[in-house]
Protein backbone atom coordinates (compact mmCIF):
# COMPACT_ATOMS: atom_id res chain seq x y z
CA MET A 1 83.53 106.11 120.89
CA SER A 2 85.52 106.85 117.49
CA ALA A 3 88.91 106.71 117.95
CA GLY A 4 89.56 110.13 116.86
CA MET A 5 87.28 111.09 119.90
CA ASN A 6 89.44 109.10 122.09
CA ILE A 7 92.84 111.03 121.28
CA HIS A 8 90.89 114.08 122.80
CA LYS A 9 90.07 112.43 125.99
CA ARG A 10 93.53 111.20 126.01
CA ILE A 11 95.30 114.66 125.62
CA ILE A 12 92.60 116.24 128.19
CA GLY A 13 93.58 113.41 130.94
CA VAL A 14 97.63 114.27 130.53
CA CYS A 15 97.04 117.95 130.45
CA TRP A 16 95.08 117.61 133.81
CA VAL A 17 97.47 115.40 135.16
CA LEU A 18 100.14 117.80 134.57
CA PHE A 19 98.20 120.65 135.87
CA GLY A 20 97.25 118.88 138.90
CA ALA A 21 101.37 118.43 139.32
CA LEU A 22 102.03 122.03 138.68
CA ILE A 23 99.42 123.04 141.60
CA LEU A 24 100.91 120.74 144.00
CA SER A 25 104.58 121.61 142.82
CA LEU A 26 103.65 125.69 143.10
CA LEU A 27 102.70 124.43 146.81
CA ALA A 28 105.68 122.67 147.49
CA VAL A 29 107.96 125.38 146.34
CA ASN A 30 105.84 128.11 148.71
CA PHE A 31 105.17 125.57 151.33
CA SER A 32 106.90 127.85 154.34
CA HIS A 33 105.32 130.98 152.97
CA THR A 34 101.38 129.82 152.71
CA ASP A 35 98.85 129.69 155.47
CA THR A 36 97.91 125.97 156.24
CA ARG A 37 94.38 126.30 155.11
CA ILE A 38 95.65 127.61 151.59
CA THR A 39 97.95 124.90 151.29
CA PHE A 40 95.66 122.25 152.09
CA VAL A 41 93.03 123.47 149.46
CA GLY A 42 95.43 123.59 146.88
CA VAL A 43 96.61 120.16 147.58
CA LEU A 44 92.58 119.08 147.76
CA VAL A 45 92.62 120.57 144.24
CA GLY A 46 95.86 119.65 143.03
CA LEU A 47 94.89 116.06 143.63
CA THR A 48 91.43 116.19 142.36
CA TYR A 49 92.76 117.62 138.92
CA ALA A 50 95.27 114.76 139.19
CA ALA A 51 92.47 112.29 139.82
CA ALA A 52 90.42 113.74 137.14
CA GLY A 53 93.58 113.24 134.55
CA PHE A 54 93.79 109.39 135.86
CA ALA A 55 90.46 108.79 135.55
CA LEU A 56 90.10 109.75 131.46
CA LEU A 57 93.61 108.57 130.94
CA SER A 58 92.57 104.81 132.35
CA ASN A 59 89.15 105.00 130.12
CA TRP A 60 87.05 104.91 133.31
CA PRO A 61 83.55 104.40 132.14
CA ARG A 62 82.33 106.97 134.83
CA SER A 63 85.14 109.59 134.36
CA TRP A 64 82.57 112.20 133.52
CA ARG A 65 81.84 112.53 136.85
CA ILE A 66 84.93 113.71 137.83
CA GLY A 67 85.40 115.43 134.70
CA LEU A 68 82.82 118.08 134.47
CA PRO A 69 83.07 119.36 138.03
CA CYS A 70 86.79 120.13 137.31
CA ALA A 71 86.22 121.44 134.11
CA ALA A 72 83.70 123.77 135.41
CA LEU A 73 86.23 124.87 138.24
CA SER A 74 89.13 125.09 135.99
CA ILE A 75 87.64 127.67 133.95
CA PHE A 76 88.21 130.26 136.65
CA SER A 77 91.99 129.65 136.49
CA PHE A 78 92.95 131.57 134.05
CA PRO A 79 94.79 131.30 131.72
CA VAL A 80 95.83 127.30 131.58
CA GLY A 81 93.10 125.88 133.31
CA THR A 82 90.38 127.61 131.46
CA ALA A 83 92.06 126.31 127.91
CA ILE A 84 91.89 122.86 129.32
CA GLY A 85 88.27 123.63 131.11
CA PHE A 86 86.86 124.63 127.71
CA TYR A 87 88.52 121.86 126.03
CA TYR A 88 86.99 119.20 127.90
CA LEU A 89 83.64 121.16 127.71
CA TRP A 90 83.88 120.61 124.20
CA TYR A 91 85.11 117.20 123.95
CA TYR A 92 82.38 116.13 126.41
CA PHE A 93 79.16 118.00 124.84
CA ARG A 94 80.48 116.77 121.53
CA ARG A 95 80.55 113.37 122.47
CA GLU A 96 77.11 113.87 123.75
CA LYS A 97 75.94 114.37 120.35
CA LEU A 98 78.02 111.89 118.87
CA ASP A 99 76.67 108.85 120.93
């Protein structure tokens, strides 16, 4: 993988860690006003995005296994998740063509 493509991987990793932290912080602020099931699902989603970000940042060879599902799910989180999701899909399919 070229150094130019590696910077995209790092940017996406940081974005997903921040996106996961944003979801978790919003849940923490509204913890007493939300249903327990919604809180559980939100925590699960936030931790999944954070895990995907850390997998990309740690340069884990199989980070695509968590990255692709997160990208597909984040497309429905307009506007921030959509941008990150399409950015990852662009990066992933561009990387596949280059390899």
